Amino acid sequence: MHVGFIGLGNVGSKLAGSVIRNSLRLSVLDLDLRAADPLVQQGATLGRNPRQMAEDCDVLITCLPSPAASAAVIENPDEGVLAGITSGTVWAEMSTTDEAEVLRLGAKIINAGGLAVDCPVSGGCHRAATGNIAILAGCDRSTFDKVLPVLTTMGRRILHTGELGTASKLKVMTNYLATANLLTLCEALVTSKASGLDLAVTYEAIKISSGNSFVHETESQVILNGSRDINFTMDLVLKDIGLFQQMAERAGVPLEISPLMIDIMKDGAARYGEREGSPNIIRRLEEACNVQVLADGFPAQMIDDEPEAPGYEIKPNTASSRAIYA
């Protein structure tokens, strides 16, 4: 199977690395051609443009920073994916994006004879690097079965979420929850510091308690180290929680916490820059309280210490899924 990968940023480069590490034929492309160099050195081919890659590849993946970037790659009249899509070629959108845009572009791909799946990832760059990240996949079952062998080279747990667009909805929901957890952890850590608690002890207390979470076990560590480096920036947080807010508005849900979170992240981006690492949102409270939330013994970056394991499909415990897998 020939896989094409367009978009070699913090996450995309690591996902593409997993594809080639698992011995699939790989072509790659990024606006910054230097981003492709490490993968080319490992045996990948540098693509000429999205059209050529769509013509040559069985599965063409996009992993891009915004819905507008994906639209440009798909719809460019001369060199876009649509100009080169062939019958049966799968477009796999791994970007975190708006489900309405996935449906719009996916319909164009399908009308041109291709197949479409939205399959965003969750679990952090450190798990993307090892192939242990989780992948949500929205598409019809036959398309899922076709793309699953590729997804299992990049992720450990693969969940078929339903029709096209459902994975994107779930992804922005999970990122919303992660941001809510980050903001409450910032308040908890600053309050612990201001109250005279040992922050290393505080970390362990949260970890063994009902307050624990994936975000605490990862982002709290780089906060306490001081690097605040989780390979995710404030502008990307704002994009994701903004997409969740839009999803709620379309569904008529009057969210109360979400608008406040957006205001907090906007204030952080205005103070420290849109490309500032998202965990450094804690600086707002540190500065307000004249404290520093730091402790010895925590890593500057997260590294996945679990060995890479073969990917597999997660089967949800619902009546419809029980019927499918019976």
C-alpha atoms as a PDB file:
ATOM      1  CA  MET A   1       0.000   0.000   0.000  1.00  0.00           C
ATOM      2  CA  HIS A   2       1.296   3.437  -0.966  1.00  0.00           C
ATOM      3  CA  VAL A   3       0.590   6.136   1.625  1.00  0.00           C
ATOM      4  CA  GLY A   4       0.884   9.868   1.012  1.00  0.00           C
ATOM      5  CA  PHE A   5       1.276  12.294   3.914  1.00  0.00           C
ATOM      6  CA  ILE A   6       0.790  16.061   3.561  1.00  0.00           C
ATOM      7  CA  GLY A   7       1.612  18.208   6.608  1.00  0.00           C
ATOM      8  CA  LEU A   8       4.744  17.414   8.617  1.00  0.00           C
ATOM      9  CA  GLY A   9       4.332  19.549  11.724  1.00  0.00           C
ATOM     10  CA  ASN A  10       4.811  18.476  15.333  1.00  0.00           C
ATOM     11  CA  VAL A  11       2.262  15.666  15.082  1.00  0.00           C
ATOM     12  CA  GLY A  12       2.281  14.938  11.356  1.00  0.00           C
ATOM     13  CA  SER A  13       6.007  14.276  11.154  1.00  0.00           C
ATOM     14  CA  LYS A  14       5.749  11.720  13.951  1.00  0.00           C
ATOM     15  CA  LEU A  15       2.725   9.972  12.446  1.00  0.00           C
ATOM     16  CA  ALA A  16       4.487   9.797   9.089  1.00  0.00           C
ATOM     17  CA  GLY A  17       7.536   8.398  10.856  1.00  0.00           C
ATOM     18  CA  SER A  18       5.402   5.568  12.228  1.00  0.00           C
ATOM     19  CA  VAL A  19       4.158   4.737   8.725  1.00  0.00           C
ATOM     20  CA  ILE A  20       7.664   4.360   7.342  1.00  0.00           C
ATOM     21  CA  ARG A  21       8.924   2.587  10.480  1.00  0.00           C
ATOM     22  CA  ASN A  22       6.261  -0.049   9.833  1.00  0.00           C
ATOM     23  CA  SER A  23       7.543  -0.609   6.294  1.00  0.00           C
ATOM     24  CA  LEU A  24       4.768   0.955   4.225  1.00  0.00           C
ATOM     25  CA  ARG A  25       5.675   2.841   1.073  1.00  0.00           C
ATOM     26  CA  LEU A  26       5.470   6.559   1.900  1.00  0.00           C
ATOM     27  CA  SER A  27       5.443   9.850  -0.001  1.00  0.00           C
ATOM     28  CA  VAL A  28       5.550  13.119   1.966  1.00  0.00           C
ATOM     29  CA  LEU A  29       5.020  16.825   1.370  1.00  0.00           C
ATOM     30  CA  ASP A  30       5.059  20.013   3.424  1.00  0.00           C
ATOM     31  CA  LEU A  31       5.188  23.724   2.604  1.00  0.00           C
ATOM     32  CA  ASP A  32       8.534  23.700   4.433  1.00  0.00           C
ATOM     33  CA  LEU A  33      10.464  21.198   2.325  1.00  0.00           C
ATOM     34  CA  ARG A  34      13.081  20.889   5.095  1.00  0.00           C
ATOM     35  CA  ALA A  35      10.472  19.177   7.258  1.00  0.00           C
ATOM     36  CA  ALA A  36      10.495  16.254   4.820  1.00  0.00           C
ATOM     37  CA  ASP A  37      14.274  15.714   4.953  1.00  0.00           C
ATOM     38  CA  PRO A  38      14.398  13.300   7.948  1.00  0.00           C
ATOM     39  CA  LEU A  39      11.669  11.136   6.407  1.00  0.00           C
ATOM     40  CA  VAL A  40      13.288  11.149   2.971  1.00  0.00           C
ATOM     41  CA  GLN A  41      16.513  10.014   4.631  1.00  0.00           C
ATOM     42  CA  GLN A  42      14.540   7.091   6.090  1.00  0.00           C
ATOM     43  CA  GLY A  43      13.276   6.077   2.641  1.00  0.00           C
ATOM     44  CA  ALA A  44      10.228   8.231   1.954  1.00  0.00           C
ATOM     45  CA  THR A  45       9.725   9.882  -1.421  1.00  0.00           C
ATOM     46  CA  LEU A  46       9.223  13.632  -1.676  1.00  0.00           C
ATOM     47  CA  GLY A  47       5.917  14.368  -3.416  1.00  0.00           C
ATOM     48  CA  ARG A  48       5.723  17.029  -6.132  1.00  0.00           C
ATOM     49  CA  ASN A  49       2.295  18.396  -5.198  1.00  0.00           C
ATOM     50  CA  PRO A  50      -1.022  17.148  -3.738  1.00  0.00           C
ATOM     51  CA  ARG A  51      -2.418  16.328  -7.192  1.00  0.00           C
ATOM     52  CA  GLN A  52       0.460  14.002  -8.051  1.00  0.00           C
ATOM     53  CA  MET A  53       0.252  12.357  -4.643  1.00  0.00           C
ATOM     54  CA  ALA A  54      -3.492  11.761  -5.050  1.00  0.00           C
ATOM     55  CA  GLU A  55      -2.829  10.156  -8.415  1.00  0.00           C
ATOM     56  CA  ASP A  56      -0.113   7.846  -7.063  1.00  0.00           C
ATOM     57  CA  CYS A  57      -1.228   6.916  -3.524  1.00  0.00           C
ATOM     58  CA  ASP A  58      -3.800   4.463  -2.192  1.00  0.00           C
ATOM     59  CA  VAL A  59      -4.329   6.491   0.996  1.00  0.00           C
ATOM     60  CA  LEU A  60      -3.621  10.231   1.102  1.00  0.00           C
ATOM     61  CA  ILE A  61      -3.394  11.761   4.589  1.00  0.00           C
ATOM     62  CA  THR A  62      -3.613  15.442   5.444  1.00  0.00           C
ATOM     63  CA  CYS A  63      -2.505  16.694   8.861  1.00  0.00           C
ATOM     64  CA  LEU A  64      -2.689  20.473   8.725  1.00  0.00           C
ATOM     65  CA  PRO A  65      -3.071  23.383  11.158  1.00  0.00           C
ATOM     66  CA  SER A  66      -6.481  24.733  10.105  1.00  0.00           C
ATOM     67  CA  PRO A  67      -9.602  24.002   8.046  1.00  0.00           C
ATOM     68  CA  ALA A  68      -8.470  26.678   5.575  1.00  0.00           C
ATOM     69  CA  ALA A  69      -5.155  24.884   5.038  1.00  0.00           C
ATOM     70  CA  SER A  70      -6.929  21.600   4.326  1.00  0.00           C
ATOM     71  CA  ALA A  71      -9.306  23.297   1.894  1.00  0.00           C
ATOM     72  CA  ALA A  72      -6.376  24.828   0.000  1.00  0.00           C
ATOM     73  CA  VAL A  73      -4.659  21.448  -0.329  1.00  0.00           C
ATOM     74  CA  ILE A  74      -7.835  19.695  -1.467  1.00  0.00           C
ATOM     75  CA  GLU A  75      -9.371  22.336  -3.742  1.00  0.00           C
ATOM     76  CA  ASN A  76      -6.462  24.007  -5.550  1.00  0.00           C
ATOM     77  CA  PRO A  77      -7.720  23.818  -9.154  1.00  0.00           C
ATOM     78  CA  ASP A  78      -4.349  22.937 -10.675  1.00  0.00           C
ATOM     79  CA  GLU A  79      -2.412  21.034  -8.009  1.00  0.00           C
ATOM     80  CA  GLY A  80      -5.005  20.045  -5.409  1.00  0.00           C
ATOM     81  CA  VAL A  81      -6.054  16.587  -4.299  1.00  0.00           C
ATOM     82  CA  LEU A  82      -9.376  16.819  -6.160  1.00  0.00           C
ATOM     83  CA  ALA A  83      -7.545  17.380  -9.422  1.00  0.00           C
ATOM     84  CA  GLY A  84      -5.773  14.046  -9.054  1.00  0.00           C
ATOM     85  CA  ILE A  85      -8.144  11.836  -7.074  1.00  0.00           C
ATOM     86  CA  THR A  86      -8.727   8.407  -8.608  1.00  0.00           C
ATOM     87  CA  SER A  87     -11.389   5.773  -7.993  1.00  0.00           C
ATOM     88  CA  GLY A  88     -11.010   4.124  -4.600  1.00  0.00           C
ATOM     89  CA  THR A  89      -8.311   6.463  -3.279  1.00  0.00           C
ATOM     90  CA  VAL A  90      -8.876   7.251   0.403  1.00  0.00           C
ATOM     91  CA  TRP A  91      -8.519  10.801   1.688  1.00  0.00           C
ATOM     92  CA  ALA A  92      -7.803  10.614   5.419  1.00  0.00           C
ATOM     93  CA  GLU A  93      -8.138  13.933   7.244  1.00  0.00           C
ATOM     94  CA  MET A  94      -6.042  13.694  10.420  1.00  0.00           C
ATOM     95  CA  SER A  95      -6.212  17.412  11.189  1.00  0.00           C
ATOM     96  CA  THR A  96      -8.292  18.673  14.106  1.00  0.00           C
ATOM     97  CA  THR A  97     -10.966  20.490  12.151  1.00  0.00           C
ATOM     98  CA  ASP A  98     -14.611  21.492  11.822  1.00  0.00           C
ATOM     99  CA  GLU A  99     -16.940  18.587  11.018  1.00  0.00           C
ATOM    100  CA  ALA A 100     -18.889  20.802   8.600  1.00  0.00           C
ATOM    101  CA  GLU A 101     -15.724  21.369   6.577  1.00  0.00           C
ATOM    102  CA  VAL A 102     -14.887  17.655   6.653  1.00  0.00           C
ATOM    103  CA  LEU A 103     -18.351  16.894   5.287  1.00  0.00           C
ATOM    104  CA  ARG A 104     -18.038  19.558   2.585  1.00  0.00           C
ATOM    105  CA  LEU A 105     -14.627  18.409   1.367  1.00  0.00           C
ATOM    106  CA  GLY A 106     -15.459  14.742   1.877  1.00  0.00           C
ATOM    107  CA  ALA A 107     -18.513  15.059  -0.379  1.00  0.00           C
ATOM    108  CA  LYS A 108     -16.294  16.474  -3.127  1.00  0.00           C
ATOM    109  CA  ILE A 109     -13.814  13.610  -2.734  1.00  0.00           C
ATOM    110  CA  ILE A 110     -16.595  11.016  -2.852  1.00  0.00           C
ATOM    111  CA  ASN A 111     -18.246  12.659  -5.880  1.00  0.00           C
ATOM    112  CA  ALA A 112     -14.880  12.432  -7.653  1.00  0.00           C
ATOM    113  CA  GLY A 113     -14.741   8.682  -7.012  1.00  0.00           C
ATOM    114  CA  GLY A 114     -12.623   8.641  -3.868  1.00  0.00           C
ATOM    115  CA  LEU A 115     -13.342   7.682  -0.277  1.00  0.00           C
ATOM    116  CA  ALA A 116     -13.184   9.934   2.775  1.00  0.00           C
ATOM    117  CA  VAL A 117     -12.465   9.453   6.473  1.00  0.00           C
ATOM    118  CA  ASP A 118     -11.809  11.965   9.247  1.00  0.00           C
ATOM    119  CA  CYS A 119      -9.339  10.385  11.672  1.00  0.00           C
ATOM    120  CA  PRO A 120      -7.867  12.864  14.173  1.00  0.00           C
ATOM    121  CA  VAL A 121      -5.494  11.639  16.873  1.00  0.00           C
ATOM    122  CA  SER A 122      -5.394  12.142  20.627  1.00  0.00           C
ATOM    123  CA  GLY A 123      -2.700  11.496  23.213  1.00  0.00           C
ATOM    124  CA  GLY A 124       0.104  13.975  22.644  1.00  0.00           C
ATOM    125  CA  CYS A 125       3.211  14.239  20.482  1.00  0.00           C
ATOM    126  CA  HIS A 126       5.122  11.809  22.685  1.00  0.00           C
ATOM    127  CA  ARG A 127       2.644   9.048  21.864  1.00  0.00           C
ATOM    128  CA  ALA A 128       2.478  10.035  18.201  1.00  0.00           C
ATOM    129  CA  ALA A 129       6.238   9.441  18.090  1.00  0.00           C
ATOM    130  CA  THR A 130       5.931   5.850  19.310  1.00  0.00           C
ATOM    131  CA  GLY A 131       2.814   4.818  17.407  1.00  0.00           C
ATOM    132  CA  ASN A 132       0.889   4.485  20.680  1.00  0.00           C
ATOM    133  CA  ILE A 133      -1.496   7.390  20.102  1.00  0.00           C
ATOM    134  CA  ALA A 134      -5.294   6.945  19.884  1.00  0.00           C
ATOM    135  CA  ILE A 135      -7.110   7.517  16.580  1.00  0.00           C
ATOM    136  CA  LEU A 136     -10.803   8.331  16.048  1.00  0.00           C
ATOM    137  CA  ALA A 137     -12.149   7.448  12.600  1.00  0.00           C
ATOM    138  CA  GLY A 138     -15.407   8.641  11.044  1.00  0.00           C
ATOM    139  CA  CYS A 139     -16.555   7.031   7.773  1.00  0.00           C
ATOM    140  CA  ASP A 140     -18.652   4.164   6.453  1.00  0.00           C
ATOM    141  CA  ARG A 141     -17.624   0.694   7.585  1.00  0.00           C
ATOM    142  CA  SER A 142     -16.155  -0.411   4.248  1.00  0.00           C
ATOM    143  CA  THR A 143     -13.890   2.646   4.110  1.00  0.00           C
ATOM    144  CA  PHE A 144     -12.841   2.035   7.718  1.00  0.00           C
ATOM    145  CA  ASP A 145     -11.889  -1.561   6.921  1.00  0.00           C
ATOM    146  CA  LYS A 146      -9.817  -0.365   3.968  1.00  0.00           C
ATOM    147  CA  VAL A 147      -7.891   2.275   5.924  1.00  0.00           C
ATOM    148  CA  LEU A 148      -7.546   0.368   9.216  1.00  0.00           C
ATOM    149  CA  PRO A 149      -4.237  -1.344   8.250  1.00  0.00           C
ATOM    150  CA  VAL A 150      -2.687   2.117   7.761  1.00  0.00           C
ATOM    151  CA  LEU A 151      -4.186   3.555  10.945  1.00  0.00           C
ATOM    152  CA  THR A 152      -2.807   0.678  13.017  1.00  0.00           C
ATOM    153  CA  THR A 153       0.735   1.584  11.930  1.00  0.00           C
ATOM    154  CA  MET A 154       0.277   5.054  13.444  1.00  0.00           C
ATOM    155  CA  GLY A 155      -1.876   4.413  16.512  1.00  0.00           C
ATOM    156  CA  ARG A 156      -2.524   1.747  19.124  1.00  0.00           C
ATOM    157  CA  ARG A 157      -6.234   2.185  19.829  1.00  0.00           C
ATOM    158  CA  ILE A 158      -8.466   2.870  16.813  1.00  0.00           C
ATOM    159  CA  LEU A 159     -12.141   3.721  17.320  1.00  0.00           C
ATOM    160  CA  HIS A 160     -14.670   3.728  14.474  1.00  0.00           C
ATOM    161  CA  THR A 161     -16.911   6.593  15.573  1.00  0.00           C
ATOM    162  CA  GLY A 162     -19.637   6.318  12.936  1.00  0.00           C
ATOM    163  CA  GLU A 163     -20.237   8.305   9.759  1.00  0.00           C
ATOM    164  CA  LEU A 164     -17.912  10.904   8.259  1.00  0.00           C
ATOM    165  CA  GLY A 165     -17.592  13.935  10.540  1.00  0.00           C
ATOM    166  CA  THR A 166     -18.298  12.159  13.830  1.00  0.00           C
ATOM    167  CA  ALA A 167     -14.597  11.778  14.636  1.00  0.00           C
ATOM    168  CA  SER A 168     -14.006  15.507  14.222  1.00  0.00           C
ATOM    169  CA  LYS A 169     -16.884  16.281  16.582  1.00  0.00           C
ATOM    170  CA  LEU A 170     -15.486  13.921  19.201  1.00  0.00           C
ATOM    171  CA  LYS A 171     -11.948  15.233  18.762  1.00  0.00           C
ATOM    172  CA  VAL A 172     -12.827  18.868  19.475  1.00  0.00           C
ATOM    173  CA  MET A 173     -14.895  17.671  22.443  1.00  0.00           C
ATOM    174  CA  THR A 174     -11.918  15.810  23.903  1.00  0.00           C
ATOM    175  CA  ASN A 175      -9.635  18.802  23.324  1.00  0.00           C
ATOM    176  CA  TYR A 176     -12.190  21.012  25.064  1.00  0.00           C
ATOM    177  CA  LEU A 177     -12.099  18.689  28.071  1.00  0.00           C
ATOM    178  CA  ALA A 178      -8.296  18.649  28.038  1.00  0.00           C
ATOM    179  CA  THR A 179      -8.221  22.457  28.062  1.00  0.00           C
ATOM    180  CA  ALA A 180     -10.723  22.608  30.916  1.00  0.00           C
ATOM    181  CA  ASN A 181      -8.515  20.187  32.843  1.00  0.00           C
ATOM    182  CA  LEU A 182      -5.389  22.259  32.105  1.00  0.00           C
ATOM    183  CA  LEU A 183      -7.000  25.458  33.369  1.00  0.00           C
ATOM    184  CA  THR A 184      -8.254  23.866  36.584  1.00  0.00           C
ATOM    185  CA  LEU A 185      -4.851  22.255  37.166  1.00  0.00           C
ATOM    186  CA  CYS A 186      -3.246  25.694  36.821  1.00  0.00           C
ATOM    187  CA  GLU A 187      -5.564  26.993  39.515  1.00  0.00           C
ATOM    188  CA  ALA A 188      -4.882  23.967  41.730  1.00  0.00           C
ATOM    189  CA  LEU A 189      -1.086  24.191  41.385  1.00  0.00           C
ATOM    190  CA  VAL A 190      -0.912  27.949  41.999  1.00  0.00           C
ATOM    191  CA  THR A 191      -3.239  27.634  44.987  1.00  0.00           C
ATOM    192  CA  SER A 192      -1.064  24.808  46.342  1.00  0.00           C
ATOM    193  CA  LYS A 193       2.059  26.946  45.971  1.00  0.00           C
ATOM    194  CA  ALA A 194       0.423  30.010  47.572  1.00  0.00           C
ATOM    195  CA  SER A 195      -0.823  27.822  50.424  1.00  0.00           C
ATOM    196  CA  GLY A 196       2.682  26.577  51.211  1.00  0.00           C
ATOM    197  CA  LEU A 197       2.312  23.018  49.940  1.00  0.00           C
ATOM    198  CA  ASP A 198       5.238  21.053  48.502  1.00  0.00           C
ATOM    199  CA  LEU A 199       4.559  20.924  44.753  1.00  0.00           C
ATOM    200  CA  ALA A 200       6.191  17.529  44.221  1.00  0.00           C
ATOM    201  CA  VAL A 201       3.943  16.130  46.932  1.00  0.00           C
ATOM    202  CA  THR A 202       0.981  17.964  45.401  1.00  0.00           C
ATOM    203  CA  TYR A 203       1.705  16.315  42.045  1.00  0.00           C
ATOM    204  CA  GLU A 204       1.696  12.842  43.609  1.00  0.00           C
ATOM    205  CA  ALA A 205      -1.426  13.576  45.664  1.00  0.00           C
ATOM    206  CA  ILE A 206      -3.352  14.502  42.517  1.00  0.00           C
ATOM    207  CA  LYS A 207      -1.947  11.504  40.638  1.00  0.00           C
ATOM    208  CA  ILE A 208      -3.214   8.954  43.190  1.00  0.00           C
ATOM    209  CA  SER A 209      -6.546  10.678  43.762  1.00  0.00           C
ATOM    210  CA  SER A 210      -9.885  11.200  42.070  1.00  0.00           C
ATOM    211  CA  GLY A 211      -8.447  14.425  40.648  1.00  0.00           C
ATOM    212  CA  ASN A 212      -6.016  12.561  38.409  1.00  0.00           C
ATOM    213  CA  SER A 213      -6.119  12.732  34.602  1.00  0.00           C
ATOM    214  CA  PHE A 214      -4.037  12.267  31.482  1.00  0.00           C
ATOM    215  CA  VAL A 215      -3.492  16.033  31.368  1.00  0.00           C
ATOM    216  CA  HIS A 216      -2.164  16.052  34.930  1.00  0.00           C
ATOM    217  CA  GLU A 217       0.249  13.189  34.274  1.00  0.00           C
ATOM    218  CA  THR A 218       1.652  14.978  31.227  1.00  0.00           C
ATOM    219  CA  GLU A 219       1.179  18.749  31.287  1.00  0.00           C
ATOM    220  CA  SER A 220       1.579  19.217  35.042  1.00  0.00           C
ATOM    221  CA  GLN A 221       5.038  17.688  34.726  1.00  0.00           C
ATOM    222  CA  VAL A 222       6.293  20.187  32.135  1.00  0.00           C
ATOM    223  CA  ILE A 223       4.669  23.008  34.112  1.00  0.00           C
ATOM    224  CA  LEU A 224       6.589  21.996  37.232  1.00  0.00           C
ATOM    225  CA  ASN A 225       9.789  21.599  35.216  1.00  0.00           C
ATOM    226  CA  GLY A 226       9.407  25.142  33.902  1.00  0.00           C
ATOM    227  CA  SER A 227       9.783  24.266  30.220  1.00  0.00           C
ATOM    228  CA  ARG A 228       6.000  24.434  29.692  1.00  0.00           C
ATOM    229  CA  ASP A 229       6.700  22.543  26.444  1.00  0.00           C
ATOM    230  CA  ILE A 230       4.031  20.109  25.335  1.00  0.00           C
ATOM    231  CA  ASN A 231       4.396  20.811  21.575  1.00  0.00           C
ATOM    232  CA  PHE A 232       1.030  22.580  21.539  1.00  0.00           C
ATOM    233  CA  THR A 233       0.477  26.310  21.382  1.00  0.00           C
ATOM    234  CA  MET A 234      -2.171  28.774  22.533  1.00  0.00           C
ATOM    235  CA  ASP A 235      -3.410  29.521  19.020  1.00  0.00           C
ATOM    236  CA  LEU A 236      -4.127  25.823  18.460  1.00  0.00           C
ATOM    237  CA  VAL A 237      -6.002  25.608  21.771  1.00  0.00           C
ATOM    238  CA  LEU A 238      -8.104  28.591  20.734  1.00  0.00           C
ATOM    239  CA  LYS A 239      -8.849  26.972  17.382  1.00  0.00           C
ATOM    240  CA  ASP A 240      -9.965  23.725  19.014  1.00  0.00           C
ATOM    241  CA  ILE A 241     -12.096  25.142  21.816  1.00  0.00           C
ATOM    242  CA  GLY A 242     -13.558  27.617  19.345  1.00  0.00           C
ATOM    243  CA  LEU A 243     -14.619  24.713  17.131  1.00  0.00           C
ATOM    244  CA  PHE A 244     -16.271  23.052  20.128  1.00  0.00           C
ATOM    245  CA  GLN A 245     -18.102  26.282  20.951  1.00  0.00           C
ATOM    246  CA  GLN A 246     -19.367  26.465  17.363  1.00  0.00           C
ATOM    247  CA  MET A 247     -20.494  22.836  17.535  1.00  0.00           C
ATOM    248  CA  ALA A 248     -22.461  23.560  20.706  1.00  0.00           C
ATOM    249  CA  GLU A 249     -24.043  26.667  19.199  1.00  0.00           C
ATOM    250  CA  ARG A 250     -25.158  24.714  16.133  1.00  0.00           C
ATOM    251  CA  ALA A 251     -26.730  22.143  18.455  1.00  0.00           C
ATOM    252  CA  GLY A 252     -28.441  24.844  20.527  1.00  0.00           C
ATOM    253  CA  VAL A 253     -26.502  24.082  23.741  1.00  0.00           C
ATOM    254  CA  PRO A 254     -26.034  27.198  25.942  1.00  0.00           C
ATOM    255  CA  LEU A 255     -22.533  26.494  27.301  1.00  0.00           C
ATOM    256  CA  GLU A 256     -21.415  28.434  30.370  1.00  0.00           C
ATOM    257  CA  ILE A 257     -17.830  27.290  31.031  1.00  0.00           C
ATOM    258  CA  SER A 258     -16.681  27.271  27.400  1.00  0.00           C
ATOM    259  CA  PRO A 259     -16.938  31.057  26.804  1.00  0.00           C
ATOM    260  CA  LEU A 260     -14.914  31.724  29.967  1.00  0.00           C
ATOM    261  CA  MET A 261     -12.224  29.291  28.825  1.00  0.00           C
ATOM    262  CA  ILE A 262     -12.027  31.058  25.478  1.00  0.00           C
ATOM    263  CA  ASP A 263     -11.625  34.419  27.229  1.00  0.00           C
ATOM    264  CA  ILE A 264      -8.839  33.053  29.452  1.00  0.00           C
ATOM    265  CA  MET A 265      -6.918  31.574  26.515  1.00  0.00           C
ATOM    266  CA  LYS A 266      -7.391  34.755  24.459  1.00  0.00           C
ATOM    267  CA  ASP A 267      -5.938  36.759  27.326  1.00  0.00           C
ATOM    268  CA  GLY A 268      -2.972  34.381  27.568  1.00  0.00           C
ATOM    269  CA  ALA A 269      -2.320  34.607  23.833  1.00  0.00           C
ATOM    270  CA  ALA A 270      -2.488  38.415  23.987  1.00  0.00           C
ATOM    271  CA  ARG A 271      -0.034  38.531  26.896  1.00  0.00           C
ATOM    272  CA  TYR A 272       2.504  35.924  25.854  1.00  0.00           C
ATOM    273  CA  GLY A 273       1.966  35.396  22.129  1.00  0.00           C
ATOM    274  CA  GLU A 274      -0.203  33.040  20.100  1.00  0.00           C
ATOM    275  CA  ARG A 275       2.697  30.617  19.617  1.00  0.00           C
ATOM    276  CA  GLU A 276       3.429  30.367  23.322  1.00  0.00           C
ATOM    277  CA  GLY A 277       3.145  26.861  24.725  1.00  0.00           C
ATOM    278  CA  SER A 278      -0.345  26.235  26.040  1.00  0.00           C
ATOM    279  CA  PRO A 279       0.736  25.071  29.547  1.00  0.00           C
ATOM    280  CA  ASN A 280       2.239  28.521  30.103  1.00  0.00           C
ATOM    281  CA  ILE A 281      -1.292  29.833  30.576  1.00  0.00           C
ATOM    282  CA  ILE A 282      -0.387  29.278  34.236  1.00  0.00           C
ATOM    283  CA  ARG A 283       1.742  32.449  34.088  1.00  0.00           C
ATOM    284  CA  ARG A 284      -1.412  34.571  34.409  1.00  0.00           C
ATOM    285  CA  LEU A 285      -1.971  33.202  37.911  1.00  0.00           C
ATOM    286  CA  GLU A 286       1.718  33.056  38.816  1.00  0.00           C
ATOM    287  CA  GLU A 287       2.054  36.751  38.054  1.00  0.00           C
ATOM    288  CA  ALA A 288      -1.169  37.633  39.869  1.00  0.00           C
ATOM    289  CA  CYS A 289       0.058  35.837  43.012  1.00  0.00           C
ATOM    290  CA  ASN A 290       3.779  36.629  42.631  1.00  0.00           C
ATOM    291  CA  VAL A 291       4.742  32.946  42.815  1.00  0.00           C
ATOM    292  CA  GLN A 292       6.529  30.440  40.576  1.00  0.00           C
ATOM    293  CA  VAL A 293       5.124  26.960  40.208  1.00  0.00           C
ATOM    294  CA  LEU A 294       8.308  24.895  39.890  1.00  0.00           C
ATOM    295  CA  ALA A 295       9.661  21.697  41.400  1.00  0.00           C
ATOM    296  CA  ASP A 296      12.751  19.555  40.921  1.00  0.00           C
ATOM    297  CA  GLY A 297      12.731  16.158  39.269  1.00  0.00           C
ATOM    298  CA  PHE A 298      10.213  16.720  36.475  1.00  0.00           C
ATOM    299  CA  PRO A 299      10.997  16.344  32.737  1.00  0.00           C
ATOM    300  CA  ALA A 300      11.255  19.204  30.238  1.00  0.00           C
ATOM    301  CA  GLN A 301       9.370  17.183  27.633  1.00  0.00           C
ATOM    302  CA  MET A 302       7.195  14.112  27.765  1.00  0.00           C
ATOM    303  CA  ILE A 303       8.614  10.858  26.414  1.00  0.00           C
ATOM    304  CA  ASP A 304       6.447   7.796  25.887  1.00  0.00           C
ATOM    305  CA  ASP A 305       8.225   5.015  27.773  1.00  0.00           C
ATOM    306  CA  GLU A 306       5.748   2.332  26.700  1.00  0.00           C
ATOM    307  CA  PRO A 307       7.081   0.029  23.972  1.00  0.00           C
ATOM    308  CA  GLU A 308       5.375   0.352  20.620  1.00  0.00           C
ATOM    309  CA  ALA A 309       2.549  -2.167  20.355  1.00  0.00           C
ATOM    310  CA  PRO A 310       0.438  -3.294  17.376  1.00  0.00           C
ATOM    311  CA  GLY A 311      -2.630  -1.164  16.809  1.00  0.00           C
ATOM    312  CA  TYR A 312      -6.094  -2.597  17.178  1.00  0.00           C
ATOM    313  CA  GLU A 313      -9.731  -1.538  16.866  1.00  0.00           C
ATOM    314  CA  ILE A 314     -11.670  -0.518  19.973  1.00  0.00           C
ATOM    315  CA  LYS A 315     -15.197  -1.930  19.915  1.00  0.00           C
ATOM    316  CA  PRO A 316     -17.667   0.180  21.945  1.00  0.00           C
ATOM    317  CA  ASN A 317     -20.251  -1.521  24.122  1.00  0.00           C
ATOM    318  CA  THR A 318     -23.387  -0.323  22.343  1.00  0.00           C
ATOM    319  CA  ALA A 319     -26.319  -2.213  20.827  1.00  0.00           C
ATOM    320  CA  SER A 320     -25.417  -1.104  17.299  1.00  0.00           C
ATOM    321  CA  SER A 321     -21.771  -2.126  17.653  1.00  0.00           C
ATOM    322  CA  ARG A 322     -22.725  -5.479  19.165  1.00  0.00           C
ATOM    323  CA  ALA A 323     -24.814  -6.107  16.067  1.00  0.00           C
ATOM    324  CA  ILE A 324     -21.953  -5.117  13.754  1.00  0.00           C
ATOM    325  CA  TYR A 325     -19.405  -7.359  15.448  1.00  0.00           C
ATOM    326  CA  ALA A 326     -21.687 -10.330  16.126  1.00  0.00           C
END
